[in-house]
Structure formats: C-alpha cells, structure tokens
Amino acid sequence: MTYTNVEPPLTFDRQISNRNFLSPAGFKFVLTKAPKVDFFSKSVSIPNLSLAAAIQSNYLRDIPVPGDKLQYGDLDIDFFIDENLENYLQIERWMRALGYPESLAEAVDLNPENTDLLGAARSDASLLVYSSSFNPIAKITFKDMFPVSLTPVPFTADQTDINYIVATATFKYTIFNVESLIKDEP
C-alpha cells in the first residue's frame, strides 16, 4: 500500500540535542581597553533584557502589547585585583579620563585630528562561553562599553585566612549580540 501526499511522521526536532547543563566556570571575558582584567575575571553575568509593554486602550479593558524599546541591563564584572593593582588601575584611569581628570594627560584623547572621539572613550568587549568539555559554544559581543562604577578596595588586618580582594566594575554599553559558535553536525 502506498500513500501519496501524506506528511512524514513527526520527529522530535523540538527536543534539546545536548542534555548537559551549562557550567558556570566555562567563560573568558576579553575587554579591549583593559586587557589586564581578562585573566583575573572571577565572574560575569549576561545582562538582563527588558521590553516595556505599551497599553492599547479598549472600552472593556486596557490591553498590553509589546513595546518598541528594548532596555539592556548593566554589565557587572567581578575580578581579582592583582598584587600590583595593574588591572584595577586600568579601569580607574579609564574612569578618571572620562570623568574629571586632574590634568590633560589623564583626559581621553581629544586630539582635533581624531575623528572618532566616541571610540576613544569606549571599548568593545566579548564574553566567550564554553561547554562542559571547555569547547567554545557562544560569543557575546558588547559594543561601545564604558565604566560607570568601580567598587572600593577593602583592606583589613584581622583576617585569619587569606581572601584575595575582588573588585566589581560596572559598565554601560549600547548593545550586545549573541553568536553561536556550535558547528552544525552533518
């Protein structure tokens, strides 16, 4: 018996192909303007996204509809401060150059020949996400980042165990894009 014009049986293409959980330790953060922060990165989170809802008026009740502006949360990076404070100072000097420098030498390069003044103040960054077997699976690229906050550095003499100092840098950016690095299997 032959069937014509019959759809093939349903496949399980809606199932997850890899049932391993994502490891929180599988990441590498790369910040172009402050490369010394990379190696000492302790933690970073993919920021939140939110889409406000617009309200469509109706005589019975107001109906929420998808809004038109996507809001990106701040990017927070926790990093171990190296013994010479080099990675901390890269962020601190960047912030000082953007904010209130004490001299022109500390200021962002405002050379009149430099046509990309925005680029001198900002930097791109990327977050590589690794699988449980430490193969790269995704690359998240952050565009036009700049620091807005750097946590204090606490010193204390009453600790019995050595807990290395961690700082948190908070960044604003224009957009982030997620790119899958998983190759399609034949």
Protein backbone atom coordinates (compact mmCIF):
# COMPACT_ATOMS: atom_id res chain seq x y z
CA MET A 1 0.00 0.00 0.00
CA THR A 2 1.39 3.42 -0.95
CA TYR A 3 0.43 6.73 0.45
CA THR A 4 0.68 9.87 -1.57
CA ASN A 5 0.55 13.43 -0.25
CA VAL A 6 0.98 12.25 3.30
CA GLU A 7 3.14 14.22 5.70
CA PRO A 8 6.08 12.33 7.19
CA PRO A 9 5.76 11.27 10.81
CA LEU A 10 6.53 13.92 13.39
CA THR A 11 10.12 13.99 14.53
CA PHE A 12 11.47 15.11 17.85
CA ASP A 13 13.14 18.21 16.43
CA ARG A 14 11.84 20.27 19.33
CA GLN A 15 13.94 18.28 21.78
CA ILE A 16 17.22 19.58 23.16
CA SER A 17 20.11 17.89 21.35
CA ASN A 18 22.64 18.35 24.17
CA ARG A 19 21.31 17.49 27.60
CA ASN A 20 24.39 18.68 29.51
CA PHE A 21 23.97 21.66 31.81
CA LEU A 22 25.90 24.86 31.18
CA SER A 23 28.90 25.17 33.50
CA PRO A 24 29.23 28.49 35.36
CA ALA A 25 33.03 28.17 35.28
CA GLY A 26 33.25 27.98 31.49
CA PHE A 27 33.85 31.56 30.39
CA LYS A 28 36.51 34.02 29.31
CA PHE A 29 35.98 37.77 29.33
CA VAL A 30 38.02 39.95 26.97
CA LEU A 31 38.00 43.74 27.36
CA THR A 32 39.89 45.53 24.60
CA LYS A 33 40.71 48.72 26.55
CA ALA A 34 41.67 46.95 29.80
CA PRO A 35 43.32 43.63 28.84
CA LYS A 36 44.77 43.05 32.33
CA VAL A 37 41.24 42.50 33.68
CA ASP A 38 40.79 39.45 31.40
CA PHE A 39 42.95 36.89 33.16
CA PHE A 40 41.72 37.81 36.64
CA SER A 41 37.99 37.76 35.87
CA LYS A 42 36.11 35.97 38.64
CA SER A 43 32.53 36.27 37.46
CA VAL A 44 30.39 38.00 34.87
CA SER A 45 26.70 37.69 34.03
CA ILE A 46 24.94 38.15 30.74
CA PRO A 47 22.87 41.27 31.50
CA ASN A 48 19.12 41.28 31.60
CA LEU A 49 16.91 42.41 28.74
CA SER A 50 13.54 44.03 29.25
CA LEU A 51 10.87 45.11 26.84
CA ALA A 52 8.31 47.51 28.24
CA ALA A 53 4.71 46.90 27.32
CA ALA A 54 2.61 49.58 25.67
CA ILE A 55 -1.06 49.86 26.56
CA GLN A 56 -3.74 49.66 23.88
CA SER A 57 -6.91 51.31 25.11
CA ASN A 58 -10.13 49.38 24.80
CA TYR A 59 -13.61 50.19 26.07
CA LEU A 60 -13.68 46.96 28.12
CA ARG A 61 -10.15 46.97 29.48
CA ASP A 62 -6.66 48.10 28.53
CA ILE A 63 -4.69 45.50 26.58
CA PRO A 64 -0.90 45.20 26.96
CA VAL A 65 1.01 44.93 23.67
CA PRO A 66 4.75 44.56 23.07
CA GLY A 67 6.62 47.84 23.36
CA ASP A 68 9.14 49.27 20.97
CA LYS A 69 12.22 49.84 23.14
CA LEU A 70 14.50 47.11 24.38
CA GLN A 71 16.35 48.03 27.58
CA TYR A 72 19.74 46.47 28.37
CA GLY A 73 20.88 45.99 31.96
CA ASP A 74 24.33 46.99 33.19
CA LEU A 75 27.27 44.63 32.78
CA ASP A 76 28.97 43.78 36.09
CA ILE A 77 32.38 42.13 36.14
CA ASP A 78 33.96 40.78 39.32
CA PHE A 79 37.73 40.43 39.06
CA PHE A 80 40.58 39.56 41.40
CA ILE A 81 42.87 42.54 41.89
CA ASP A 82 46.47 41.68 41.07
CA GLU A 83 49.18 42.44 43.64
CA ASN A 84 50.47 45.49 41.71
CA LEU A 85 46.94 46.88 41.21
CA GLU A 86 47.52 46.96 37.44
CA ASN A 87 44.09 45.69 36.42
CA TYR A 88 42.31 47.90 38.96
CA LEU A 89 44.25 50.95 37.78
CA GLN A 90 43.33 50.31 34.13
CA ILE A 91 39.65 50.72 35.00
CA GLU A 92 40.28 53.57 37.47
CA ARG A 93 42.32 55.58 34.95
CA TRP A 94 39.74 54.95 32.24
CA MET A 95 37.02 56.32 34.53
CA ARG A 96 39.16 59.28 35.56
CA ALA A 97 39.79 60.12 31.89
CA LEU A 98 36.05 60.08 31.21
CA GLY A 99 35.06 61.97 34.34
CA TYR A 100 37.18 64.62 35.96
CA PRO A 101 40.87 64.31 35.13
CA GLU A 102 43.38 66.37 37.10
CA SER A 103 45.43 67.12 34.00
CA LEU A 104 45.16 66.95 30.23
CA ALA A 105 47.50 63.95 30.29
CA GLU A 106 44.76 61.95 32.08
CA ALA A 107 41.98 63.03 29.75
CA VAL A 108 40.59 60.97 26.90
CA ASP A 109 42.45 61.71 23.68
CA LEU A 110 40.64 64.81 22.42
CA ASN A 111 43.02 65.41 19.54
CA PRO A 112 41.22 67.51 16.86
CA GLU A 113 42.55 65.15 14.17
CA ASN A 114 40.89 62.21 15.93
CA THR A 115 37.51 61.93 14.21
CA ASP A 116 36.34 59.08 16.46
CA LEU A 117 36.05 60.79 19.86
CA LEU A 118 33.36 58.34 20.96
CA GLY A 119 35.66 55.43 20.15
CA ALA A 120 38.45 56.93 22.25
CA ALA A 121 36.20 56.90 25.30
CA ARG A 122 34.62 53.47 24.76
CA SER A 123 35.71 49.93 24.16
CA ASP A 124 34.25 46.72 22.82
CA ALA A 125 34.35 43.52 24.84
CA SER A 126 33.45 39.89 24.36
CA LEU A 127 32.40 37.05 26.60
CA LEU A 128 33.27 33.57 25.37
CA VAL A 129 31.07 30.82 26.82
CA TYR A 130 32.47 27.30 26.99
CA SER A 131 30.72 23.93 27.14
CA SER A 132 31.20 21.41 29.93
CA SER A 133 34.13 20.00 27.92
CA PHE A 134 35.56 23.56 27.56
CA ASN A 135 34.84 24.00 23.86
CA PRO A 136 33.62 27.47 22.83
CA ILE A 137 29.86 27.46 22.22
CA ALA A 138 28.92 31.14 22.17
CA LYS A 139 30.42 34.59 21.85
CA ILE A 140 28.63 37.59 23.32
CA THR A 141 29.94 40.89 21.96
CA PHE A 142 29.33 44.13 23.86
CA LYS A 143 29.57 47.32 21.79
CA ASP A 144 30.76 50.75 22.94
CA MET A 145 31.30 49.95 26.63
CA PHE A 146 32.46 52.42 29.24
CA PRO A 147 32.80 52.05 33.02
CA VAL A 148 30.35 53.80 35.35
CA SER A 149 31.25 52.25 38.70
CA LEU A 150 34.21 50.63 40.45
CA THR A 151 33.81 49.19 43.93
CA PRO A 152 36.03 50.12 46.88
CA VAL A 153 39.11 48.05 47.74
CA PRO A 154 38.78 46.86 51.34
CA PHE A 155 41.89 46.20 53.44
CA THR A 156 41.70 44.56 56.85
CA ALA A 157 44.34 43.21 59.23
CA ASP A 158 42.08 40.93 61.29
CA GLN A 159 41.59 38.09 58.78
CA THR A 160 42.99 34.70 59.71
CA ASP A 161 42.63 33.24 56.20
CA ILE A 162 43.78 34.95 53.06
CA ASN A 163 40.78 36.00 50.98
CA TYR A 164 42.03 37.73 47.88
CA ILE A 165 40.49 41.07 47.09
CA VAL A 166 37.79 41.23 44.43
CA ALA A 167 36.54 44.40 42.77
CA THR A 168 33.41 44.90 40.69
CA ALA A 169 33.36 47.13 37.65
CA THR A 170 30.01 48.16 36.20
CA PHE A 171 29.73 49.09 32.53
CA LYS A 172 27.16 50.68 30.26
CA TYR A 173 27.09 49.73 26.56
CA THR A 174 24.92 50.32 23.52
CA ILE A 175 24.01 46.72 22.58
CA PHE A 176 25.14 43.14 22.93
CA ASN A 177 24.91 40.38 20.33
CA VAL A 178 24.99 36.64 20.94
CA GLU A 179 26.64 34.48 18.30
CA SER A 180 26.51 30.69 18.40
CA LEU A 181 29.88 29.00 17.79
CA ILE A 182 28.43 25.50 17.58
CA LYS A 183 29.12 23.93 14.20
CA ASP A 184 26.20 22.09 12.66
CA GLU A 185 26.85 18.39 12.62
CA PRO A 186 26.44 16.61 9.26
